[in-house]
Amino acid sequence: MIDFSGKLVLAPLAGVSDSNYRLICRRLGADITWSEMVSADGLVYCWEKNRFLLDFSDGERPLGIQLFGSEPGVMGRAAANVARLAPDFIDINFGCPVKKVVRRNGGSSLLRTPELIGRITEAVVKSSGEVPVTAKIRSGWSERELNYAQVGRILVEAGARAVCIHPRTRVQAFSGKSNWEHIAHLADELPVPVIGSGDIFEPEDAVRMFAQTGCAAVMIGRGIMGNPWLFKRTRCVLDGNPDPGAPAERERLALALEHARLTVAQRGERHGVVFMRKHFASYTKGLAGGAALRRRLFEAVSLAQVENLFESYLDQAESARGESDTAITAAGCPVDTAAGVTDTTKSDN
């Protein structure tokens, strides 16, 4: 079984945590990765169409493949197919709040039927052979239906080897604050590793989650979208070293371009560049003039266009900083490079 103790893990993010992004996050400090959420129905009934969602390389390990579905038999068959690919573990999604998943009685919809959660987990464990099974849940369907502790016990009794909790309800979706007390309660209740998730956007957030909840590992989701350096920064702080801080513009856009090249190699140029638009939006969030850059990136259909846009943006940004420094010097003030950078990198969001 995977050792989750003290680990930082990449959340399963639909449309984001594909093989390319998992490789990037591993290189930048993620200890364990999760695949995107994969439909069990899709794998059982349309294997060839959905098989690409399971592609991974050894560089992404330790890796879990996450499945969702509502029929124990179908989930078992899908798990058997996945197990043949030898991931490090198979995860079951009982937490997704997205309407199209909930309408099919998948994800967090199943929190209303704990008995069915138990049967699904038993079917997946039985079909997975030597591959360990984990599960991801939410606190409950609503504030009136907080049953995470009950569901956690059912999961362990059914054979789950670790449980991840995002301590919001399905009704909350991603609004409000996650309730870390639920993570602490579950960690006290269960004899298996509990992974905490929710509201990790800075290294100090992960430090506090470990300290306040006693969780075995911290899962980072929305906080790493366009910001995989958060893993590296968080590991530095956890190890007692200074936070190296967010990367400069050039490093950020260099990684965005590397990510685009990987995606184009996988999906073809036009499709790959279009697919990258959501990632470009994340990579450029907070950059000075980022809104204007994004508008032009969203019109790009080739790598050459993306490269030219990035280089043009960086040239203009460096020129603007140089003009700012010159103006300060002419006014008889000492040049403060840090202040100049700060002034030109205000968020446009």
Protein backbone atom coordinates (compact mmCIF):
# COMPACT_ATOMS: atom_id res chain seq x y z
CA MET A 1 0.00 0.00 0.00
CA ILE A 2 1.11 3.57 -0.67
CA ASP A 3 2.63 5.38 2.29
CA PHE A 4 0.58 8.57 2.52
CA SER A 5 2.27 9.86 5.67
CA GLY A 6 3.34 13.50 5.27
CA LYS A 7 2.71 13.47 1.52
CA LEU A 8 1.43 16.19 -0.80
CA VAL A 9 -0.92 14.79 -3.41
CA LEU A 10 -2.39 16.08 -6.65
CA ALA A 11 -6.19 16.06 -6.67
CA PRO A 12 -8.21 14.40 -9.43
CA LEU A 13 -9.21 17.43 -11.51
CA ALA A 14 -11.48 16.76 -14.47
CA GLY A 15 -10.00 18.20 -17.64
CA VAL A 16 -6.84 19.29 -15.80
CA SER A 17 -4.90 16.46 -14.16
CA ASP A 18 -4.15 14.50 -17.32
CA SER A 19 -0.92 12.63 -17.88
CA ASN A 20 1.01 15.73 -18.95
CA TYR A 21 0.01 17.81 -15.95
CA ARG A 22 0.68 14.91 -13.60
CA LEU A 23 4.24 14.69 -14.92
CA ILE A 24 4.73 18.42 -14.40
CA CYS A 25 3.35 18.28 -10.87
CA ARG A 26 5.50 15.29 -9.95
CA ARG A 27 8.60 17.11 -11.17
CA LEU A 28 7.66 20.13 -9.09
CA GLY A 29 7.11 18.27 -5.85
CA ALA A 30 3.84 16.33 -5.84
CA ASP A 31 4.46 13.07 -3.98
CA ILE A 32 1.42 11.19 -5.29
CA THR A 33 -0.90 11.86 -8.24
CA TRP A 34 -4.53 11.08 -9.00
CA SER A 35 -5.97 10.69 -12.49
CA GLU A 36 -8.93 12.61 -13.75
CA MET A 37 -12.27 11.11 -12.74
CA VAL A 38 -13.10 8.31 -15.19
CA SER A 39 -16.59 6.97 -15.86
CA ALA A 40 -16.96 3.25 -15.08
CA ASP A 41 -19.80 3.04 -17.61
CA GLY A 42 -17.51 4.53 -20.26
CA LEU A 43 -14.77 1.99 -19.55
CA VAL A 44 -17.12 -0.98 -19.57
CA TYR A 45 -19.27 -0.09 -22.55
CA CYS A 46 -16.95 2.09 -24.67
CA TRP A 47 -13.44 0.94 -23.74
CA GLU A 48 -11.69 2.08 -26.92
CA LYS A 49 -13.23 5.56 -26.73
CA ASN A 50 -12.26 6.08 -23.08
CA ARG A 51 -9.04 4.09 -22.82
CA PHE A 52 -6.86 7.19 -23.39
CA LEU A 53 -8.02 8.59 -20.02
CA LEU A 54 -6.03 5.80 -18.37
CA ASP A 55 -2.72 6.50 -20.11
CA PHE A 56 0.12 7.10 -17.70
CA SER A 57 3.88 6.70 -17.45
CA ASP A 58 6.13 5.54 -14.65
CA GLY A 59 7.19 9.15 -14.07
CA GLU A 60 3.72 9.86 -12.65
CA ARG A 61 3.91 7.18 -9.98
CA PRO A 62 2.72 6.70 -7.33
CA LEU A 63 -0.53 7.11 -9.25
CA GLY A 64 -4.17 6.36 -8.50
CA ILE A 65 -6.86 5.93 -11.16
CA GLN A 66 -10.17 7.38 -9.98
CA LEU A 67 -13.48 5.81 -11.05
CA PHE A 68 -17.05 6.99 -10.64
CA GLY A 69 -20.32 5.18 -11.13
CA SER A 70 -23.39 3.96 -9.26
CA GLU A 71 -23.77 0.28 -10.18
CA PRO A 72 -21.66 -2.17 -8.13
CA GLY A 73 -21.42 -4.65 -11.00
CA VAL A 74 -20.28 -2.06 -13.52
CA MET A 75 -17.84 -0.52 -11.04
CA GLY A 76 -16.39 -3.98 -10.38
CA ARG A 77 -15.91 -4.69 -14.09
CA ALA A 78 -14.31 -1.30 -14.66
CA ALA A 79 -11.98 -1.82 -11.69
CA ALA A 80 -10.90 -5.20 -13.08
CA ASN A 81 -10.01 -3.54 -16.40
CA VAL A 82 -8.08 -0.78 -14.64
CA ALA A 83 -6.26 -3.20 -12.34
CA ARG A 84 -4.73 -4.91 -15.37
CA LEU A 85 -2.91 -1.64 -16.09
CA ALA A 86 -1.24 -1.88 -12.66
CA PRO A 87 -1.80 1.59 -11.18
CA ASP A 88 -0.56 2.01 -7.61
CA PHE A 89 -4.14 2.21 -6.35
CA ILE A 90 -7.72 2.60 -7.57
CA ASP A 91 -9.81 5.40 -6.09
CA ILE A 92 -13.61 5.66 -5.98
CA ASN A 93 -15.24 9.06 -6.29
CA PHE A 94 -18.09 9.60 -3.83
CA GLY A 95 -17.60 13.36 -3.67
CA CYS A 96 -18.01 15.04 -7.06
CA PRO A 97 -20.73 17.75 -6.79
CA VAL A 98 -21.09 18.43 -10.53
CA LYS A 99 -24.71 18.22 -11.70
CA LYS A 100 -24.14 15.94 -14.68
CA VAL A 101 -22.44 13.40 -12.39
CA VAL A 102 -25.00 13.73 -9.59
CA ARG A 103 -27.89 13.30 -12.05
CA ARG A 104 -26.50 9.86 -12.87
CA ASN A 105 -26.41 9.05 -9.14
CA GLY A 106 -22.63 9.27 -9.16
CA GLY A 107 -20.16 11.20 -7.04
CA SER A 108 -21.64 12.95 -3.99
CA SER A 109 -25.17 11.76 -4.84
CA LEU A 110 -24.22 8.41 -3.32
CA LEU A 111 -23.67 10.01 0.09
CA ARG A 112 -27.45 9.78 0.47
CA THR A 113 -27.26 5.98 0.18
CA PRO A 114 -24.39 4.78 2.41
CA GLU A 115 -25.40 1.14 2.00
CA LEU A 116 -24.87 1.41 -1.76
CA ILE A 117 -21.47 3.01 -1.15
CA GLY A 118 -20.55 -0.09 0.81
CA ARG A 119 -21.65 -2.44 -1.97
CA ILE A 120 -19.83 -0.46 -4.63
CA THR A 121 -16.63 -0.43 -2.58
CA GLU A 122 -16.85 -4.17 -1.91
CA ALA A 123 -17.28 -4.83 -5.64
CA VAL A 124 -14.29 -2.67 -6.55
CA VAL A 125 -12.08 -4.19 -3.84
CA LYS A 126 -13.02 -7.71 -4.93
CA SER A 127 -12.28 -6.95 -8.59
CA SER A 128 -9.04 -5.03 -8.04
CA GLY A 129 -6.96 -8.00 -6.95
CA GLU A 130 -3.69 -6.86 -5.41
CA VAL A 131 -4.27 -3.21 -6.30
CA PRO A 132 -5.32 -1.26 -3.16
CA VAL A 133 -8.58 0.69 -3.18
CA THR A 134 -9.15 4.16 -1.71
CA ALA A 135 -12.15 6.50 -1.75
CA LYS A 136 -12.84 10.24 -1.84
CA ILE A 137 -15.89 11.69 -0.09
CA ARG A 138 -17.46 14.95 1.05
CA SER A 139 -18.87 15.81 4.46
CA GLY A 140 -22.37 14.89 3.35
CA TRP A 141 -25.18 15.95 1.05
CA SER A 142 -26.08 19.03 3.10
CA GLU A 143 -25.50 20.55 6.54
CA ARG A 144 -28.50 18.56 7.78
CA GLU A 145 -27.03 15.35 6.36
CA LEU A 146 -23.44 15.26 7.61
CA ASN A 147 -22.66 11.55 7.48
CA TYR A 148 -18.95 11.50 6.63
CA ALA A 149 -18.04 9.53 9.76
CA GLN A 150 -20.64 6.85 9.00
CA VAL A 151 -19.56 6.68 5.36
CA GLY A 152 -15.90 6.50 6.40
CA ARG A 153 -16.57 3.49 8.62
CA ILE A 154 -18.53 1.78 5.85
CA LEU A 155 -15.66 2.34 3.43
CA VAL A 156 -13.11 0.80 5.78
CA GLU A 157 -15.37 -2.18 6.51
CA ALA A 158 -15.75 -2.70 2.75
CA GLY A 159 -11.98 -2.77 2.27
CA ALA A 160 -10.89 0.80 1.48
CA ARG A 161 -7.26 1.32 2.49
CA ALA A 162 -7.39 5.13 2.73
CA VAL A 163 -10.08 7.81 2.68
CA CYS A 164 -9.83 11.35 1.34
CA ILE A 165 -12.34 13.93 2.52
CA HIS A 166 -13.14 17.32 1.05
CA PRO A 167 -15.01 18.82 4.01
CA ARG A 168 -17.75 20.64 2.19
CA THR A 169 -21.24 19.35 1.46
CA ARG A 170 -22.58 18.69 -2.00
CA VAL A 171 -24.94 21.65 -1.56
CA GLN A 172 -21.94 23.91 -0.87
CA ALA A 173 -20.08 22.71 -3.96
CA PHE A 174 -16.98 24.94 -3.77
CA SER A 175 -18.57 27.91 -2.01
CA GLY A 176 -17.89 29.05 1.53
CA LYS A 177 -15.08 27.54 3.61
CA SER A 178 -14.21 23.89 4.01
CA ASN A 179 -14.65 22.60 7.56
CA TRP A 180 -11.32 21.13 8.58
CA GLU A 181 -12.84 19.86 11.84
CA HIS A 182 -14.44 17.12 9.76
CA ILE A 183 -10.98 16.02 8.58
CA ALA A 184 -9.73 15.89 12.18
CA HIS A 185 -12.80 13.93 13.31
CA LEU A 186 -12.41 11.39 10.51
CA ALA A 187 -8.68 11.03 11.19
CA ASP A 188 -9.51 10.18 14.81
CA GLU A 189 -12.29 7.79 13.81
CA LEU A 190 -10.67 5.66 11.14
CA PRO A 191 -7.84 3.11 11.36
CA VAL A 192 -6.65 3.94 7.83
CA PRO A 193 -4.87 7.05 6.47
CA VAL A 194 -7.14 10.07 6.06
CA ILE A 195 -6.20 12.57 3.36
CA GLY A 196 -7.36 16.15 3.83
CA SER A 197 -8.53 18.35 0.99
CA GLY A 198 -9.95 21.84 0.67
CA ASP A 199 -8.73 25.46 0.57
CA ILE A 200 -5.01 24.87 0.05
CA PHE A 201 -3.78 27.90 -1.86
CA GLU A 202 -0.53 28.78 -0.05
CA PRO A 203 2.17 26.66 1.62
CA GLU A 204 1.02 27.83 5.05
CA ASP A 205 -2.43 26.36 4.37
CA ALA A 206 -0.97 22.86 4.06
CA VAL A 207 1.15 23.36 7.18
CA ARG A 208 -1.97 24.34 9.13
CA MET A 209 -4.00 21.45 7.78
CA PHE A 210 -1.41 18.91 8.90
CA ALA A 211 -1.15 20.55 12.32
CA GLN A 212 -4.87 21.14 12.94
CA THR A 213 -6.31 17.89 11.62
CA GLY A 214 -3.72 15.16 12.08
CA CYS A 215 -4.38 14.02 8.51
CA ALA A 216 -1.88 11.67 6.90
CA ALA A 217 -1.58 13.64 3.66
CA VAL A 218 -2.77 16.88 2.10
CA MET A 219 -4.46 16.93 -1.29
CA ILE A 220 -4.15 20.09 -3.38
CA GLY A 221 -6.69 20.79 -6.11
CA ARG A 222 -7.77 24.21 -7.35
CA GLY A 223 -4.70 25.81 -5.77
CA ILE A 224 -2.34 24.19 -8.28
CA MET A 225 -4.25 25.11 -11.44
CA GLY A 226 -1.65 27.03 -13.38
CA ASN A 227 0.46 26.96 -10.24
CA PRO A 228 2.20 23.57 -9.91
CA TRP A 229 5.07 25.36 -8.12
CA LEU A 230 2.82 25.32 -5.05
CA PHE A 231 3.99 21.75 -4.44
CA LYS A 232 7.66 22.75 -4.43
CA ARG A 233 7.01 25.81 -2.25
CA THR A 234 4.95 23.80 0.22
CA ARG A 235 7.56 21.06 0.52
CA CYS A 236 10.21 23.68 1.25
CA VAL A 237 8.13 25.14 4.07
CA LEU A 238 7.20 21.72 5.48
CA ASP A 239 10.89 20.83 5.56
CA GLY A 240 11.68 23.98 7.53
CA ASN A 241 13.17 25.94 4.65
CA PRO A 242 12.20 29.40 3.37
CA ASP A 243 9.37 29.66 0.86
CA PRO A 244 11.06 30.38 -2.51
CA GLY A 245 7.93 32.26 -3.57
CA ALA A 246 6.03 32.33 -6.81
CA PRO A 247 8.05 32.16 -10.04
CA ALA A 248 8.77 35.18 -12.20
CA GLU A 249 6.87 35.79 -15.42
CA ARG A 250 9.48 34.19 -17.69
CA GLU A 251 9.59 30.94 -15.70
CA ARG A 252 5.81 30.80 -15.53
CA LEU A 253 5.33 31.24 -19.25
CA ALA A 254 8.20 28.86 -20.06
CA LEU A 255 6.37 26.10 -18.21
CA ALA A 256 3.09 27.02 -19.89
CA LEU A 257 4.83 26.63 -23.24
CA GLU A 258 6.38 23.30 -22.24
CA HIS A 259 2.93 22.13 -21.15
CA ALA A 260 1.50 23.23 -24.50
CA ARG A 261 4.17 21.32 -26.43
CA LEU A 262 3.44 18.14 -24.50
CA THR A 263 -0.26 18.55 -25.16
CA VAL A 264 0.23 19.21 -28.87
CA ALA A 265 2.42 16.11 -29.15
CA GLN A 266 -0.41 14.11 -27.58
CA ARG A 267 -3.47 15.68 -29.23
CA GLY A 268 -2.27 17.33 -32.43
CA GLU A 269 -1.52 21.03 -32.92
CA ARG A 270 -4.90 22.70 -33.33
CA HIS A 271 -6.75 20.51 -30.84
CA GLY A 272 -3.85 20.72 -28.39
CA VAL A 273 -3.60 24.51 -28.49
CA VAL A 274 -7.36 24.90 -28.08
CA PHE A 275 -7.33 22.40 -25.19
CA MET A 276 -4.61 24.47 -23.51
CA ARG A 277 -6.75 27.62 -23.37
CA LYS A 278 -8.06 26.81 -19.89
CA HIS A 279 -4.48 26.17 -18.75
CA PHE A 280 -3.28 29.43 -20.32
CA ALA A 281 -5.99 31.22 -18.34
CA SER A 282 -4.60 29.71 -15.14
CA TYR A 283 -0.90 30.25 -15.94
CA THR A 284 -1.48 33.93 -16.74
CA LYS A 285 -3.77 34.71 -13.83
CA GLY A 286 -2.44 37.69 -11.89
CA LEU A 287 0.04 38.83 -14.52
CA ALA A 288 0.11 42.52 -15.37
CA GLY A 289 -1.79 42.83 -18.64
CA GLY A 290 -2.88 39.21 -18.28
CA ALA A 291 -6.42 39.84 -19.52
CA ALA A 292 -5.16 41.23 -22.82
CA LEU A 293 -2.69 38.36 -23.19
CA ARG A 294 -5.43 35.81 -22.55
CA ARG A 295 -7.70 37.33 -25.19
CA ARG A 296 -4.97 36.87 -27.79
CA LEU A 297 -4.05 33.37 -26.55
CA PHE A 298 -7.68 32.30 -26.88
CA GLU A 299 -7.49 33.16 -30.58
CA ALA A 300 -4.30 31.17 -31.17
CA VAL A 301 -4.47 27.87 -33.06
CA SER A 302 -0.76 27.05 -33.42
CA LEU A 303 2.26 26.69 -31.19
CA ALA A 304 4.11 29.33 -33.17
CA GLN A 305 1.39 31.85 -32.34
CA VAL A 306 1.59 30.97 -28.64
CA GLU A 307 5.39 31.27 -28.64
CA ASN A 308 5.22 34.68 -30.35
CA LEU A 309 2.59 35.94 -27.93
CA PHE A 310 4.62 34.87 -24.90
CA GLU A 311 7.84 36.38 -26.23
CA SER A 312 6.11 39.63 -27.16
CA TYR A 313 4.52 39.84 -23.72
CA LEU A 314 7.85 39.26 -21.95
CA ASP A 315 9.64 41.84 -24.12
CA GLN A 316 6.98 44.42 -23.31
CA ALA A 317 7.02 43.59 -19.60
CA GLU A 318 10.81 43.93 -19.41
CA SER A 319 10.70 47.15 -21.37
CA ALA A 320 8.06 48.55 -19.02
CA ARG A 321 10.20 47.69 -16.02
CA GLY A 322 13.21 49.37 -17.61
CA GLU A 323 11.24 52.54 -18.30
CA SER A 324 9.95 52.51 -14.72
CA ASP A 325 13.49 52.23 -13.35
CA THR A 326 14.69 55.03 -15.60
CA ALA A 327 11.86 57.29 -14.45
CA ILE A 328 12.66 56.62 -10.79
CA THR A 329 16.37 57.33 -11.30
CA ALA A 330 15.61 60.56 -13.18
CA ALA A 331 13.52 61.70 -10.21
CA GLY A 332 16.57 61.41 -7.97
CA CYS A 333 15.38 58.28 -6.14
CA PRO A 334 17.34 55.05 -5.79
CA VAL A 335 16.14 52.26 -8.01
CA ASP A 336 14.27 49.56 -6.09
CA THR A 337 14.01 46.63 -8.44
CA ALA A 338 11.66 44.69 -6.19
CA ALA A 339 9.30 47.66 -5.97
CA GLY A 340 9.43 48.09 -9.73
CA VAL A 341 8.45 44.47 -10.28
CA THR A 342 5.64 44.68 -7.76
CA ASP A 343 4.24 47.78 -9.38
CA THR A 344 4.09 46.12 -12.79
CA THR A 345 2.68 42.78 -11.70
CA LYS A 346 -0.60 43.79 -10.09
CA SER A 347 -3.34 41.33 -10.72
CA ASP A 348 -5.81 42.19 -13.44
CA ASN A 349 -8.38 39.92 -11.81
